[in-house]
Protein backbone atom coordinates (compact mmCIF):
# COMPACT_ATOMS: atom_id res chain seq x y z
CA UNK A 1 139.68 21.10 -136.80
CA UNK A 2 138.80 18.93 -133.80
CA UNK A 3 135.80 16.79 -132.98
CA UNK A 4 134.91 16.60 -129.30
CA UNK A 5 132.38 14.10 -128.03
CA UNK A 6 130.74 15.19 -124.78
CA UNK A 7 127.20 13.88 -124.96
CA UNK A 8 123.92 15.44 -125.95
CA UNK A 9 123.31 16.91 -122.50
CA UNK A 10 126.57 18.87 -122.48
CA UNK A 11 126.42 20.78 -125.73
CA UNK A 12 125.91 24.25 -124.26
CA UNK A 13 129.69 24.64 -123.81
CA UNK A 14 130.84 22.16 -126.47
CA UNK A 15 132.11 24.64 -129.03
CA UNK A 16 134.05 26.81 -126.58
CA UNK A 17 135.60 23.81 -124.88
CA UNK A 18 136.52 22.15 -128.19
CA UNK A 19 138.24 25.30 -129.45
CA UNK A 20 140.40 25.64 -126.34
CA UNK A 21 141.30 21.95 -126.17
CA UNK A 22 142.23 21.95 -129.85
CA UNK A 23 144.52 24.92 -129.31
CA UNK A 24 146.52 23.23 -126.55
CA UNK A 25 146.42 19.63 -127.79
CA UNK A 26 148.11 20.23 -131.11
CA UNK A 27 148.54 17.30 -133.50
CA UNK A 28 145.27 15.43 -133.00
CA UNK A 29 142.35 14.21 -135.04
CA UNK A 30 139.74 14.32 -132.29
CA UNK A 31 138.98 13.85 -128.62
CA UNK A 32 136.37 12.73 -126.13
CA UNK A 33 135.41 14.13 -122.74
CA UNK A 34 134.25 11.46 -120.33
CA UNK A 35 132.88 11.39 -116.83
CA UNK A 36 136.06 10.33 -114.99
CA UNK A 37 139.75 9.57 -115.56
CA UNK A 38 138.97 5.88 -114.97
CA UNK A 39 136.47 6.00 -117.82
CA UNK A 40 139.12 7.59 -120.04
CA UNK A 41 141.65 4.86 -119.28
CA UNK A 42 139.17 2.04 -119.70
CA UNK A 43 137.80 3.37 -122.98
CA UNK A 44 141.29 3.50 -124.48
CA UNK A 45 142.04 -0.02 -123.27
CA UNK A 46 138.87 -1.36 -124.86
CA UNK A 47 139.78 0.31 -128.14
CA UNK A 48 143.40 -0.90 -128.04
CA UNK A 49 142.56 -4.41 -126.91
CA UNK A 50 140.36 -5.31 -129.86
CA UNK A 51 140.99 -8.78 -131.33
CA UNK A 52 142.11 -10.24 -127.95
CA UNK A 53 145.55 -8.67 -128.13
CA UNK A 54 148.20 -8.29 -125.43
CA UNK A 55 148.58 -4.95 -123.66
CA UNK A 56 151.91 -3.86 -122.13
CA UNK A 57 151.67 -1.61 -119.08
CA UNK A 58 154.54 0.16 -117.36
CA UNK A 59 154.50 -0.56 -113.63
CA UNK A 60 154.57 2.92 -112.16
CA UNK A 61 151.04 3.70 -113.30
CA UNK A 62 149.72 0.73 -111.43
CA UNK A 63 151.69 1.89 -108.44
CA UNK A 64 150.29 5.37 -108.73
CA UNK A 65 146.72 4.13 -108.46
CA UNK A 66 146.85 0.90 -106.47
CA UNK A 67 146.44 2.75 -103.17
CA UNK A 68 142.96 3.85 -104.25
CA UNK A 69 139.97 1.66 -103.52
CA UNK A 70 138.66 2.37 -107.01
CA UNK A 71 141.81 1.56 -108.99
CA UNK A 72 141.04 2.13 -112.67
CA UNK A 73 144.03 0.14 -113.92
CA UNK A 74 143.31 -2.82 -111.70
CA UNK A 75 139.64 -2.77 -112.72
CA UNK A 76 140.58 -2.43 -116.38
CA UNK A 77 143.04 -5.30 -116.20
CA UNK A 78 140.52 -7.51 -114.39
CA UNK A 79 137.80 -6.73 -116.92
CA UNK A 80 140.01 -7.10 -119.99
CA UNK A 81 141.28 -10.44 -118.70
CA UNK A 82 137.77 -11.79 -119.12
CA UNK A 83 138.14 -11.06 -122.83
CA UNK A 84 141.45 -12.91 -123.08
CA UNK A 85 143.70 -9.85 -122.85
CA UNK A 86 147.09 -10.49 -121.21
CA UNK A 87 149.31 -7.85 -119.54
CA UNK A 88 153.06 -7.40 -119.16
CA UNK A 89 154.56 -4.89 -116.71
CA UNK A 90 157.87 -3.25 -117.53
CA UNK A 91 160.60 -1.12 -115.98
CA UNK A 92 159.75 2.52 -116.82
CA UNK A 93 163.44 3.13 -117.64
CA UNK A 94 163.47 0.44 -120.34
CA UNK A 95 163.40 2.88 -123.27
CA UNK A 96 163.83 1.33 -126.71
CA UNK A 97 164.57 -2.05 -125.12
CA UNK A 98 160.84 -2.43 -124.54
CA UNK A 99 160.89 -4.09 -127.98
CA UNK A 100 162.36 -7.17 -126.26
CA UNK A 101 159.13 -7.56 -124.27
CA UNK A 102 156.79 -7.44 -127.24
CA UNK A 103 154.94 -10.61 -128.13
CA UNK A 104 153.35 -11.48 -131.48
CA UNK A 105 149.95 -10.40 -130.18
CA UNK A 106 151.02 -7.23 -128.30
CA UNK A 107 148.65 -4.44 -129.30
CA UNK A 108 149.33 -1.48 -126.97
CA UNK A 109 151.81 0.09 -124.56
CA UNK A 110 150.50 2.25 -121.72
CA UNK A 111 152.94 4.92 -120.54
CA UNK A 112 153.25 7.81 -118.09
CA UNK A 113 156.10 10.28 -117.70
CA UNK A 114 157.02 10.91 -115.04
CA UNK A 115 155.41 8.29 -112.84
CA UNK A 116 153.19 10.03 -110.32
CA UNK A 117 154.68 8.47 -107.18
CA UNK A 118 158.35 7.62 -107.75
CA UNK A 119 158.78 9.95 -110.76
CA UNK A 120 160.86 7.86 -113.12
CA UNK A 121 161.11 9.52 -116.54
CA UNK A 122 160.24 7.33 -119.49
CA UNK A 123 161.80 7.93 -122.89
CA UNK A 124 158.47 8.32 -124.69
CA UNK A 125 159.88 8.95 -128.20
CA UNK A 126 162.09 5.83 -127.97
CA UNK A 127 159.22 3.68 -126.70
CA UNK A 128 156.91 5.05 -129.40
CA UNK A 129 159.45 4.35 -132.15
CA UNK A 130 159.89 0.77 -130.98
CA UNK A 131 156.14 0.25 -130.69
CA UNK A 132 155.28 1.75 -134.06
CA UNK A 133 157.87 -0.47 -135.75
CA UNK A 134 155.61 -3.35 -134.69
CA UNK A 135 152.35 -1.51 -135.43
CA UNK A 136 151.62 -1.21 -131.69
CA UNK A 137 149.50 1.63 -130.31
CA UNK A 138 151.06 3.92 -127.68
CA UNK A 139 148.82 5.28 -124.91
CA UNK A 140 149.95 7.91 -122.40
CA UNK A 141 148.67 9.42 -119.19
CA UNK A 142 149.84 13.02 -119.61
CA UNK A 143 148.20 14.43 -116.47
CA UNK A 144 151.44 15.49 -114.72
CA UNK A 145 152.71 17.75 -117.50
CA UNK A 146 149.37 18.56 -119.17
CA UNK A 147 149.45 19.36 -122.90
CA UNK A 148 151.01 22.73 -122.03
CA UNK A 149 154.27 21.19 -120.81
CA UNK A 150 154.46 18.03 -122.94
CA UNK A 151 153.29 17.52 -126.52
CA UNK A 152 152.34 13.86 -126.25
CA UNK A 153 151.12 13.41 -129.83
CA UNK A 154 154.15 15.26 -131.19
CA UNK A 155 156.39 12.79 -129.33
CA UNK A 156 154.79 9.69 -130.83
CA UNK A 157 151.78 9.02 -128.58
CA UNK A 158 148.71 7.75 -130.44
CA UNK A 159 146.14 8.21 -127.64
CA UNK A 160 146.67 10.77 -124.85
CA UNK A 161 144.72 10.64 -121.58
CA UNK A 162 144.38 13.40 -118.99
CA UNK A 163 142.62 13.58 -115.66
CA UNK A 164 140.70 16.83 -116.09
CA UNK A 165 139.95 16.53 -112.38
CA UNK A 166 143.43 17.87 -111.63
CA UNK A 167 145.21 20.85 -113.23
CA UNK A 168 142.53 21.46 -115.84
CA UNK A 169 139.98 21.97 -113.09
CA UNK A 170 142.28 23.77 -110.69
CA UNK A 171 139.62 23.95 -108.01
CA UNK A 172 139.27 20.31 -106.93
CA UNK A 173 135.54 20.36 -107.57
CA UNK A 174 134.88 18.12 -110.57
CA UNK A 175 135.49 14.64 -111.98
CA UNK A 176 136.45 14.56 -115.65
CA UNK A 177 138.57 12.59 -118.09
CA UNK A 178 139.95 13.73 -121.45
CA UNK A 179 141.07 11.49 -124.31
CA UNK A 180 142.53 12.60 -127.64
CA UNK A 181 143.75 10.56 -130.60
CA UNK A 182 145.70 10.96 -133.81
CA UNK A 183 144.45 10.07 -137.27
CA UNK A 184 145.36 6.42 -136.80
CA UNK A 185 143.25 5.83 -133.70
CA UNK A 186 140.52 8.44 -133.71
CA UNK A 187 137.85 6.54 -135.62
CA UNK A 188 138.01 3.46 -133.37
CA UNK A 189 138.28 5.54 -130.20
CA UNK A 190 135.21 7.55 -131.13
CA UNK A 191 133.27 4.37 -131.90
CA UNK A 192 134.22 2.97 -128.48
CA UNK A 193 133.16 6.20 -126.77
CA UNK A 194 129.80 6.19 -128.54
CA UNK A 195 129.19 2.53 -127.66
CA UNK A 196 130.06 2.95 -123.97
CA UNK A 197 128.18 6.27 -123.67
CA UNK A 198 130.39 7.52 -120.83
CA UNK A 199 129.41 11.17 -121.25
CA UNK A 200 130.44 14.03 -119.02
CA UNK A 201 127.72 16.11 -117.39
CA UNK A 202 127.04 19.69 -118.49
CA UNK A 203 128.07 21.21 -115.15
CA UNK A 204 131.41 19.39 -115.26
CA UNK A 205 132.06 20.63 -118.80
CA UNK A 206 131.25 24.18 -117.68
CA UNK A 207 133.67 23.90 -114.74
CA UNK A 208 136.35 22.45 -117.01
CA UNK A 209 136.02 25.35 -119.42
CA UNK A 210 136.34 27.74 -116.48
CA UNK A 211 139.52 25.97 -115.37
CA UNK A 212 141.06 25.94 -118.84
CA UNK A 213 140.94 29.73 -118.99
CA UNK A 214 143.35 30.06 -116.06
CA UNK A 215 145.31 26.81 -116.37
CA UNK A 216 148.45 28.30 -117.91
CA UNK A 217 148.72 31.05 -115.28
CA UNK A 218 148.21 28.54 -112.47
CA UNK A 219 150.69 26.05 -113.91
CA UNK A 220 153.42 28.65 -114.33
CA UNK A 221 152.96 29.81 -110.74
CA UNK A 222 152.80 26.28 -109.35
CA UNK A 223 155.86 25.25 -111.37
CA UNK A 224 157.87 28.03 -109.76
CA UNK A 225 156.52 27.33 -106.28
CA UNK A 226 156.99 23.58 -106.65
CA UNK A 227 160.64 23.96 -107.63
CA UNK A 228 161.24 26.41 -104.79
CA UNK A 229 159.81 24.03 -102.19
CA UNK A 230 161.58 21.04 -103.75
CA UNK A 231 164.95 22.80 -103.57
CA UNK A 232 164.24 23.87 -99.98
CA UNK A 233 163.45 20.27 -99.04
CA UNK A 234 166.61 19.09 -100.81
CA UNK A 235 168.67 21.14 -98.34
CA UNK A 236 167.03 19.63 -95.27
CA UNK A 237 169.21 17.24 -93.23
CA UNK A 238 166.22 14.89 -92.77
CA UNK A 239 165.80 14.39 -96.55
CA UNK A 240 167.85 11.82 -98.44
CA UNK A 241 166.74 12.91 -101.92
CA UNK A 242 164.04 14.74 -103.85
CA UNK A 243 162.28 12.99 -106.75
CA UNK A 244 161.58 15.83 -109.21
CA UNK A 245 162.65 15.52 -112.87
CA UNK A 246 163.09 19.29 -113.30
CA UNK A 247 165.91 19.28 -110.72
CA UNK A 248 169.41 18.91 -112.13
CA UNK A 249 170.13 16.21 -109.54
CA UNK A 250 167.30 13.95 -110.74
CA UNK A 251 168.28 10.87 -112.83
CA UNK A 252 165.55 11.69 -115.35
CA UNK A 253 166.48 15.36 -115.77
CA UNK A 254 168.11 14.96 -119.20
CA UNK A 255 164.97 13.38 -120.68
CA UNK A 256 162.76 15.99 -119.03
CA UNK A 257 164.92 18.82 -120.39
CA UNK A 258 164.91 17.31 -123.89
CA UNK A 259 161.19 16.55 -124.20
CA UNK A 260 159.30 18.84 -121.79
CA UNK A 261 158.76 22.60 -121.73
CA UNK A 262 157.87 22.83 -118.04
CA UNK A 263 157.10 20.96 -114.85
CA UNK A 264 154.03 20.73 -112.69
CA UNK A 265 154.13 20.96 -108.91
CA UNK A 266 153.86 17.26 -108.00
CA UNK A 267 156.99 15.54 -106.65
CA UNK A 268 158.18 13.23 -103.88
CA UNK A 269 160.90 13.05 -101.27
CA UNK A 270 162.67 10.12 -99.65
CA UNK A 271 163.53 10.68 -96.00
CA UNK A 272 166.62 9.33 -94.32
CA UNK A 273 166.12 6.06 -92.38
CA UNK A 274 163.74 6.68 -89.48
CA UNK A 275 160.67 5.09 -87.88
CA UNK A 276 157.47 5.36 -89.89
CA UNK A 277 155.97 7.05 -86.84
CA UNK A 278 158.36 9.97 -87.34
CA UNK A 279 157.31 10.42 -90.97
CA UNK A 280 153.65 10.22 -89.96
CA UNK A 281 154.19 12.82 -87.22
CA UNK A 282 155.69 15.12 -89.84
CA UNK A 283 152.62 14.86 -92.09
CA UNK A 284 150.14 15.09 -89.22
CA UNK A 285 151.73 18.32 -87.96
CA UNK A 286 151.20 20.15 -91.26
CA UNK A 287 148.35 22.66 -91.29
CA UNK A 288 148.60 24.15 -94.81
CA UNK A 289 149.00 20.77 -96.50
CA UNK A 290 145.97 18.55 -96.76
CA UNK A 291 146.28 14.76 -96.86
CA UNK A 292 144.93 13.64 -100.20
CA UNK A 293 145.62 11.80 -103.43
CA UNK A 294 143.82 13.93 -106.04
CA UNK A 295 146.34 16.65 -106.78
CA UNK A 296 146.35 19.52 -109.27
CA UNK A 297 144.07 21.92 -107.42
CA UNK A 298 144.71 25.16 -105.56
CA UNK A 299 145.63 23.50 -102.26
CA UNK A 300 148.91 21.89 -101.25
CA UNK A 301 148.88 18.21 -100.32
CA UNK A 302 151.18 15.67 -98.67
CA UNK A 303 150.75 11.91 -98.46
CA UNK A 304 153.10 9.10 -97.36
CA UNK A 305 153.44 6.17 -99.77
CA UNK A 306 155.17 2.82 -100.13
CA UNK A 307 155.42 1.17 -103.56
CA UNK A 308 156.60 -2.18 -102.16
CA UNK A 309 153.20 -3.99 -102.09
CA UNK A 310 152.48 -3.35 -105.76
CA UNK A 311 155.88 -3.00 -107.45
CA UNK A 312 156.28 -5.82 -109.95
CA UNK A 313 158.86 -5.24 -112.70
CA UNK A 314 161.35 -3.43 -110.44
CA UNK A 315 162.20 -3.34 -106.75
CA UNK A 316 161.23 -0.38 -104.58
CA UNK A 317 163.98 0.15 -101.98
CA UNK A 318 164.30 3.91 -101.38
CA UNK A 319 166.15 3.56 -98.07
CA UNK A 320 163.65 5.53 -95.98
CA UNK A 321 160.01 6.64 -95.77
CA UNK A 322 158.66 8.44 -98.85
CA UNK A 323 156.20 11.35 -99.03
CA UNK A 324 154.56 12.85 -102.11
CA UNK A 325 153.83 16.58 -102.23
CA UNK A 326 151.59 18.70 -104.39
CA UNK A 327 152.33 22.41 -104.17
CA UNK A 328 149.28 24.60 -104.61
CA UNK A 329 148.80 28.36 -104.84
CA UNK A 330 149.80 29.27 -101.29
CA UNK A 331 152.77 31.51 -100.49
CA UNK A 332 156.07 29.59 -100.59
CA UNK A 333 157.25 31.17 -97.35
CA UNK A 334 154.11 30.06 -95.57
CA UNK A 335 154.53 26.52 -96.94
CA UNK A 336 158.17 26.17 -95.87
CA UNK A 337 157.31 27.53 -92.42
CA UNK A 338 154.62 24.88 -92.15
CA UNK A 339 157.07 22.19 -93.27
CA UNK A 340 159.52 23.40 -90.64
CA UNK A 341 156.87 22.71 -88.00
CA UNK A 342 156.45 19.25 -89.45
CA UNK A 343 160.16 18.52 -89.18
CA UNK A 344 160.10 19.72 -85.56
CA UNK A 345 157.29 17.26 -84.82
CA UNK A 346 159.29 14.53 -86.55
CA UNK A 347 162.28 15.07 -84.30
CA UNK A 348 160.13 14.80 -81.17
CA UNK A 349 159.09 11.21 -81.94
CA UNK A 350 160.59 8.68 -79.56
CA UNK A 351 163.29 6.65 -81.32
CA UNK A 352 163.85 9.24 -84.04
CA UNK A 353 167.44 9.32 -85.16
CA UNK A 354 167.72 10.00 -88.89
CA UNK A 355 171.13 9.18 -90.27
CA UNK A 356 173.27 12.30 -90.31
CA UNK A 357 170.76 14.51 -88.50
């Protein structure tokens, strides 16, 4: 049985939505549906940060959102600081050694696997075991895998957060956040949700229910297409490496294979050393790929990124320009043909001379 809080104005689709979410979430006590992903993150921080405790973040999540003008982690950190909450950023590959960073007042660890820019794979069960040994709550952004490809609560996560805006929606036409909790955290999370009154609108709940009905079919298709495009890019002479945990060549593949049952279609590439203008020409020449940050919909996307300005616990030195891709529902042959045009535009840039090309 699951309790879903969506606000008095959204109850027309409450029961249907609750039934479907309960079926895919698994081991949970209850969940809330809020207006945006930022609301979901902030509500969990407020719950976890009670009693002026310390909150440990992993750095890649901050990196994944810092390029947005409305950065929910930055806003949450700034707001919580006013209440005396301190933060510590850690290497996402730290695993069980995260215990060495815990302080007497550490109350929560915020995780994401993989990171949604540079795609490091965290060892969630190891982090959860270390945290629970100190009675610390584990939060996780599970948007990349969705509950269909990663059982967050079954792997030790106390509070799971998803951006319903992305794969759940599938049509890039709503803003929604989902939060679920286990027995330990549900009561306090629900109280925080009720106090903050960050309810989702009825139309958004309707659109989310529509998206849930086709999410598995879309994810399976996009998983296959994403891997096909990733492998194609990995053979290109302009590409130094592909950051995709479902590829055997990825450093995080063993953890992904152990803990996950599938992969979504979001990944990155690192190009060989070349002028930024060449990488920008590549992206600008694409016609089937939009330029955008909010992935998970039907359309393919590409966006250059650089983690250097906001990397804190580790150093970002990929060796060349980096581009993140989201593979949508388009035909793979059409997408690779479009990428081929992008590489042709890249080679026409004055001063282009990628190593080995």
